[in-house]
């Protein structure tokens, strides 16, 4: 991978890893939720990588920050979905810890990237 600028960004690669974890999580949801909550969390996670990619393409730093901000919003949407999954006891807290840990790292990397662009 690497034909486009965003593909070499560590934060983009991390977002792809997070999406993989979200897909795995979504397949563990009970039947009725596979068409509701599953779809929602997958779309939100996918939006993270899409916004990182879109913001990196020949944009000003200010514009790239705006897209990274959208990626953060999508990330926070996945956190809310995971909270709901946990609250409904669809997946155990222990099983969710891996995706939560990866998500915290992704959140940190996106916010650090935004800070670097601002400075």
N, C-alpha and C. Protein backbone atom coordinates (compact mmCIF):
# COMPACT_ATOMS: atom_id res chain seq x y z
N UNK A 1 0.84 -1.18 0.00
CA UNK A 1 0.00 0.00 0.00
C UNK A 1 0.89 1.24 0.00
N UNK A 2 0.50 2.27 -0.71
CA UNK A 2 1.27 3.49 -0.64
C UNK A 2 1.23 4.36 -1.87
N UNK A 3 0.30 4.14 -2.76
CA UNK A 3 0.22 4.95 -3.97
C UNK A 3 -0.22 6.39 -3.66
N UNK A 4 -0.99 6.56 -2.62
CA UNK A 4 -1.49 7.88 -2.25
C UNK A 4 -0.92 8.28 -0.89
N UNK A 5 -0.81 9.57 -0.67
CA UNK A 5 -0.20 10.12 0.55
C UNK A 5 -0.81 9.53 1.82
N UNK A 6 -2.12 9.47 1.90
CA UNK A 6 -2.78 9.03 3.12
C UNK A 6 -2.47 7.57 3.46
N UNK A 7 -2.15 6.76 2.46
CA UNK A 7 -1.90 5.34 2.70
C UNK A 7 -0.63 5.11 3.52
N UNK A 8 0.27 6.07 3.51
CA UNK A 8 1.50 5.93 4.29
C UNK A 8 1.38 6.54 5.69
N UNK A 9 0.26 7.15 5.98
CA UNK A 9 0.07 7.75 7.31
C UNK A 9 -0.18 6.65 8.34
N UNK A 10 0.56 6.72 9.43
CA UNK A 10 0.37 5.73 10.51
C UNK A 10 -1.06 5.77 11.04
N UNK A 11 -1.60 6.96 11.17
CA UNK A 11 -2.96 7.10 11.70
C UNK A 11 -3.98 6.43 10.79
N UNK A 12 -3.75 6.46 9.51
CA UNK A 12 -4.64 5.79 8.55
C UNK A 12 -4.54 4.27 8.72
N UNK A 13 -3.31 3.77 8.82
CA UNK A 13 -3.11 2.33 9.03
C UNK A 13 -3.76 1.87 10.34
N UNK A 14 -3.64 2.69 11.37
CA UNK A 14 -4.26 2.37 12.65
C UNK A 14 -5.79 2.35 12.52
N UNK A 15 -6.32 3.28 11.75
CA UNK A 15 -7.77 3.32 11.51
C UNK A 15 -8.23 2.05 10.80
N UNK A 16 -7.44 1.56 9.85
CA UNK A 16 -7.79 0.31 9.16
C UNK A 16 -7.80 -0.87 10.13
N UNK A 17 -6.83 -0.90 11.04
CA UNK A 17 -6.80 -1.96 12.06
C UNK A 17 -8.03 -1.88 12.96
N UNK A 18 -8.39 -0.66 13.32
CA UNK A 18 -9.57 -0.45 14.17
C UNK A 18 -10.83 -0.94 13.45
N UNK A 19 -10.94 -0.64 12.18
CA UNK A 19 -12.10 -1.09 11.39
C UNK A 19 -12.17 -2.62 11.39
N UNK A 20 -11.03 -3.28 11.23
CA UNK A 20 -11.01 -4.75 11.27
C UNK A 20 -11.57 -5.26 12.60
N UNK A 21 -11.15 -4.64 13.69
CA UNK A 21 -11.66 -5.05 15.01
C UNK A 21 -13.16 -4.80 15.14
N UNK A 22 -13.60 -3.69 14.59
CA UNK A 22 -15.04 -3.36 14.64
C UNK A 22 -15.83 -4.39 13.83
N UNK A 23 -15.34 -4.78 12.66
CA UNK A 23 -16.03 -5.80 11.87
C UNK A 23 -16.13 -7.11 12.65
N UNK A 24 -15.02 -7.49 13.31
CA UNK A 24 -15.04 -8.70 14.12
C UNK A 24 -16.06 -8.60 15.25
N UNK A 25 -16.10 -7.45 15.90
CA UNK A 25 -17.05 -7.21 16.99
C UNK A 25 -18.49 -7.31 16.46
N UNK A 26 -18.72 -6.71 15.32
CA UNK A 26 -20.08 -6.66 14.75
C UNK A 26 -20.61 -8.05 14.41
N UNK A 27 -19.72 -8.96 14.04
CA UNK A 27 -20.18 -10.32 13.71
C UNK A 27 -20.61 -11.10 14.95
N UNK A 28 -20.25 -10.61 16.13
CA UNK A 28 -20.62 -11.28 17.38
C UNK A 28 -21.96 -10.80 17.93
N UNK A 29 -22.55 -9.81 17.31
CA UNK A 29 -23.82 -9.28 17.81
C UNK A 29 -24.96 -10.24 17.49
N UNK A 30 -25.99 -10.25 18.33
CA UNK A 30 -27.13 -11.13 18.08
C UNK A 30 -27.87 -10.72 16.80
N UNK A 31 -28.60 -11.65 16.26
CA UNK A 31 -29.30 -11.49 14.99
C UNK A 31 -29.96 -10.14 14.73
N UNK A 32 -30.90 -9.72 15.58
CA UNK A 32 -31.58 -8.45 15.30
C UNK A 32 -30.64 -7.24 15.24
N UNK A 33 -29.57 -7.28 16.00
CA UNK A 33 -28.64 -6.15 16.02
C UNK A 33 -27.69 -6.14 14.83
N UNK A 34 -27.62 -7.24 14.10
CA UNK A 34 -26.73 -7.28 12.94
C UNK A 34 -27.20 -6.33 11.84
N UNK A 35 -28.46 -5.94 11.88
CA UNK A 35 -28.99 -5.04 10.86
C UNK A 35 -29.15 -3.62 11.39
N UNK A 36 -28.91 -3.41 12.65
CA UNK A 36 -29.07 -2.09 13.25
C UNK A 36 -27.74 -1.60 13.81
N UNK A 37 -27.43 -2.05 15.00
CA UNK A 37 -26.23 -1.60 15.69
C UNK A 37 -24.96 -2.00 14.92
N UNK A 38 -24.95 -3.17 14.37
CA UNK A 38 -23.81 -3.64 13.58
C UNK A 38 -23.53 -2.69 12.41
N UNK A 39 -24.57 -2.38 11.68
CA UNK A 39 -24.43 -1.48 10.54
C UNK A 39 -23.95 -0.10 10.98
N UNK A 40 -24.49 0.39 12.09
CA UNK A 40 -24.13 1.71 12.58
C UNK A 40 -22.66 1.79 12.99
N UNK A 41 -22.19 0.81 13.76
CA UNK A 41 -20.81 0.84 14.23
C UNK A 41 -19.83 0.64 13.08
N UNK A 42 -20.18 -0.18 12.11
CA UNK A 42 -19.31 -0.38 10.95
C UNK A 42 -19.23 0.89 10.11
N UNK A 43 -20.37 1.53 9.88
CA UNK A 43 -20.36 2.78 9.09
C UNK A 43 -19.55 3.86 9.79
N UNK A 44 -19.70 3.98 11.11
CA UNK A 44 -18.96 4.99 11.86
C UNK A 44 -17.46 4.71 11.79
N UNK A 45 -17.06 3.46 11.99
CA UNK A 45 -15.64 3.12 11.95
C UNK A 45 -15.05 3.37 10.56
N UNK A 46 -15.78 2.98 9.54
CA UNK A 46 -15.32 3.19 8.17
C UNK A 46 -15.14 4.67 7.88
N UNK A 47 -16.02 5.48 8.42
CA UNK A 47 -15.96 6.92 8.22
C UNK A 47 -14.66 7.52 8.76
N UNK A 48 -14.09 6.91 9.79
CA UNK A 48 -12.84 7.40 10.35
C UNK A 48 -11.76 7.39 9.25
N UNK A 49 -11.55 6.24 8.65
CA UNK A 49 -10.51 6.11 7.61
C UNK A 49 -10.84 6.96 6.39
N UNK A 50 -12.12 7.03 6.02
CA UNK A 50 -12.49 7.81 4.85
C UNK A 50 -12.21 9.29 5.05
N UNK A 51 -12.46 9.80 6.24
CA UNK A 51 -12.17 11.21 6.51
C UNK A 51 -10.68 11.49 6.58
N UNK A 52 -9.91 10.57 7.13
CA UNK A 52 -8.46 10.74 7.13
C UNK A 52 -7.95 10.81 5.69
N UNK A 53 -8.43 9.92 4.85
CA UNK A 53 -8.02 9.89 3.45
C UNK A 53 -8.44 11.17 2.73
N UNK A 54 -9.68 11.54 2.87
CA UNK A 54 -10.19 12.71 2.16
C UNK A 54 -9.48 13.99 2.58
N UNK A 55 -9.17 14.10 3.85
CA UNK A 55 -8.52 15.31 4.36
C UNK A 55 -7.08 15.45 3.96
N UNK A 56 -6.45 14.38 3.57
CA UNK A 56 -5.01 14.42 3.28
C UNK A 56 -4.68 14.78 1.84
N UNK A 57 -5.67 14.87 1.01
CA UNK A 57 -5.43 15.01 -0.42
C UNK A 57 -5.34 16.47 -0.85
N UNK A 58 -4.12 16.98 -0.85
CA UNK A 58 -3.87 18.32 -1.37
C UNK A 58 -4.60 19.43 -0.66
N UNK A 59 -4.94 19.20 0.58
CA UNK A 59 -5.69 20.20 1.34
C UNK A 59 -4.73 21.07 2.14
N UNK A 60 -5.21 22.19 2.58
CA UNK A 60 -4.45 23.00 3.52
C UNK A 60 -4.46 22.30 4.88
N UNK A 61 -3.57 22.70 5.77
CA UNK A 61 -3.56 22.12 7.11
C UNK A 61 -4.90 22.35 7.80
N UNK A 62 -5.47 23.53 7.61
CA UNK A 62 -6.76 23.85 8.23
C UNK A 62 -7.85 22.90 7.73
N UNK A 63 -7.85 22.63 6.45
CA UNK A 63 -8.85 21.71 5.88
C UNK A 63 -8.60 20.28 6.35
N UNK A 64 -7.34 19.89 6.43
CA UNK A 64 -7.03 18.56 6.90
C UNK A 64 -7.46 18.39 8.36
N UNK A 65 -7.27 19.42 9.17
CA UNK A 65 -7.72 19.39 10.57
C UNK A 65 -9.23 19.22 10.63
N UNK A 66 -9.93 19.87 9.73
CA UNK A 66 -11.40 19.75 9.71
C UNK A 66 -11.81 18.30 9.44
N UNK A 67 -11.16 17.64 8.50
CA UNK A 67 -11.49 16.24 8.21
C UNK A 67 -11.07 15.32 9.35
N UNK A 68 -9.94 15.62 10.00
CA UNK A 68 -9.53 14.83 11.16
C UNK A 68 -10.53 15.00 12.30
N UNK A 69 -11.09 16.18 12.41
CA UNK A 69 -12.14 16.42 13.41
C UNK A 69 -13.37 15.58 13.12
N UNK A 70 -13.72 15.46 11.85
CA UNK A 70 -14.84 14.59 11.46
C UNK A 70 -14.51 13.13 11.77
N UNK A 71 -13.25 12.74 11.56
CA UNK A 71 -12.83 11.37 11.89
C UNK A 71 -12.98 11.12 13.38
N UNK A 72 -12.62 12.12 14.20
CA UNK A 72 -12.77 11.98 15.66
C UNK A 72 -14.24 11.83 16.04
N UNK A 73 -15.09 12.58 15.41
CA UNK A 73 -16.53 12.47 15.69
C UNK A 73 -17.03 11.06 15.37
N UNK A 74 -16.58 10.54 14.25
CA UNK A 74 -16.98 9.18 13.88
C UNK A 74 -16.42 8.17 14.88
N UNK A 75 -15.19 8.40 15.31
CA UNK A 75 -14.62 7.51 16.33
C UNK A 75 -15.47 7.53 17.59
N UNK A 76 -15.85 8.71 18.04
CA UNK A 76 -16.67 8.81 19.26
C UNK A 76 -18.02 8.13 19.08
N UNK A 77 -18.53 8.13 17.88
CA UNK A 77 -19.76 7.39 17.59
C UNK A 77 -19.55 5.89 17.80
N UNK A 78 -18.38 5.39 17.40
CA UNK A 78 -18.10 3.97 17.64
C UNK A 78 -18.01 3.68 19.12
N UNK A 79 -17.44 4.61 19.89
CA UNK A 79 -17.35 4.44 21.34
C UNK A 79 -18.74 4.31 21.94
N UNK A 80 -19.65 5.17 21.51
CA UNK A 80 -21.03 5.11 22.00
C UNK A 80 -21.68 3.77 21.63
N UNK A 81 -21.42 3.29 20.43
CA UNK A 81 -21.95 1.98 20.01
C UNK A 81 -21.38 0.87 20.88
N UNK A 82 -20.09 0.93 21.15
CA UNK A 82 -19.46 -0.09 22.00
C UNK A 82 -20.02 -0.03 23.41
N UNK A 83 -20.27 1.17 23.90
CA UNK A 83 -20.89 1.31 25.22
C UNK A 83 -22.25 0.63 25.25
N UNK A 84 -23.01 0.82 24.20
CA UNK A 84 -24.33 0.19 24.11
C UNK A 84 -24.21 -1.33 24.04
N UNK A 85 -23.25 -1.80 23.27
CA UNK A 85 -23.00 -3.25 23.17
C UNK A 85 -22.67 -3.81 24.55
N UNK A 86 -21.85 -3.09 25.29
CA UNK A 86 -21.48 -3.52 26.63
C UNK A 86 -22.68 -3.46 27.58
N UNK A 87 -23.42 -2.37 27.53
CA UNK A 87 -24.58 -2.19 28.41
C UNK A 87 -25.64 -3.26 28.18
N UNK A 88 -25.81 -3.68 26.95
CA UNK A 88 -26.80 -4.70 26.61
C UNK A 88 -26.26 -6.13 26.82
N UNK A 89 -25.01 -6.21 27.27
CA UNK A 89 -24.36 -7.50 27.51
C UNK A 89 -24.29 -8.39 26.27
N UNK A 90 -24.15 -7.75 25.11
CA UNK A 90 -24.00 -8.53 23.88
C UNK A 90 -22.60 -9.15 23.81
N UNK A 91 -21.62 -8.43 24.34
CA UNK A 91 -20.24 -8.88 24.36
C UNK A 91 -19.66 -8.49 25.72
N UNK A 92 -18.85 -9.37 26.29
CA UNK A 92 -18.33 -9.11 27.63
C UNK A 92 -17.33 -7.95 27.63
N UNK A 93 -17.19 -7.34 28.79
CA UNK A 93 -16.24 -6.24 28.97
C UNK A 93 -14.83 -6.69 28.59
N UNK A 94 -14.46 -7.89 29.00
CA UNK A 94 -13.12 -8.40 28.68
C UNK A 94 -12.90 -8.53 27.18
N UNK A 95 -13.92 -8.99 26.47
CA UNK A 95 -13.80 -9.13 25.02
C UNK A 95 -13.73 -7.78 24.31
N UNK A 96 -14.29 -6.76 24.93
CA UNK A 96 -14.29 -5.42 24.33
C UNK A 96 -13.01 -4.65 24.63
N UNK A 97 -12.23 -5.11 25.58
CA UNK A 97 -11.04 -4.36 26.00
C UNK A 97 -10.05 -4.15 24.86
N UNK A 98 -9.85 -5.13 24.01
CA UNK A 98 -8.90 -4.99 22.90
C UNK A 98 -9.28 -3.88 21.94
N UNK A 99 -10.56 -3.84 21.56
CA UNK A 99 -11.00 -2.79 20.63
C UNK A 99 -10.99 -1.43 21.33
N UNK A 100 -11.30 -1.41 22.61
CA UNK A 100 -11.25 -0.14 23.35
C UNK A 100 -9.82 0.38 23.44
N UNK A 101 -8.87 -0.51 23.69
CA UNK A 101 -7.46 -0.11 23.79
C UNK A 101 -6.96 0.43 22.44
N UNK A 102 -7.25 -0.28 21.38
CA UNK A 102 -6.88 0.18 20.05
C UNK A 102 -7.54 1.53 19.75
N UNK A 103 -8.79 1.67 20.14
CA UNK A 103 -9.51 2.92 19.93
C UNK A 103 -8.88 4.09 20.67
N UNK A 104 -8.47 3.86 21.91
CA UNK A 104 -7.80 4.92 22.68
C UNK A 104 -6.53 5.37 21.97
N UNK A 105 -5.78 4.41 21.45
CA UNK A 105 -4.56 4.74 20.72
C UNK A 105 -4.88 5.52 19.45
N UNK A 106 -5.90 5.11 18.73
CA UNK A 106 -6.32 5.82 17.53
C UNK A 106 -6.74 7.25 17.86
N UNK A 107 -7.54 7.41 18.91
CA UNK A 107 -7.97 8.75 19.34
C UNK A 107 -6.75 9.62 19.63
N UNK A 108 -5.81 9.08 20.38
CA UNK A 108 -4.61 9.82 20.73
C UNK A 108 -3.84 10.23 19.47
N UNK A 109 -3.66 9.31 18.54
CA UNK A 109 -2.88 9.59 17.32
C UNK A 109 -3.57 10.64 16.44
N UNK A 110 -4.88 10.57 16.34
CA UNK A 110 -5.59 11.58 15.55
C UNK A 110 -5.44 12.95 16.19
N UNK A 111 -5.63 13.03 17.51
CA UNK A 111 -5.53 14.33 18.19
C UNK A 111 -4.10 14.88 18.12
N UNK A 112 -3.10 14.00 18.22
CA UNK A 112 -1.70 14.44 18.10
C UNK A 112 -1.42 14.95 16.69
N UNK A 113 -1.96 14.26 15.69
CA UNK A 113 -1.78 14.69 14.30
C UNK A 113 -2.39 16.07 14.09
N UNK A 114 -3.56 16.28 14.66
CA UNK A 114 -4.21 17.60 14.57
C UNK A 114 -3.35 18.67 15.23
N UNK A 115 -2.79 18.35 16.38
CA UNK A 115 -1.92 19.31 17.09
C UNK A 115 -0.70 19.66 16.26
N UNK A 116 -0.08 18.66 15.65
CA UNK A 116 1.09 18.90 14.81
C UNK A 116 0.72 19.82 13.65
N UNK A 117 -0.41 19.60 13.04
CA UNK A 117 -0.85 20.44 11.93
C UNK A 117 -1.15 21.87 12.37
N UNK A 118 -1.63 22.03 13.60
CA UNK A 118 -1.93 23.37 14.12
C UNK A 118 -0.65 24.17 14.43
N UNK A 119 0.38 23.46 14.88
CA UNK A 119 1.61 24.13 15.32
C UNK A 119 2.50 24.59 14.19
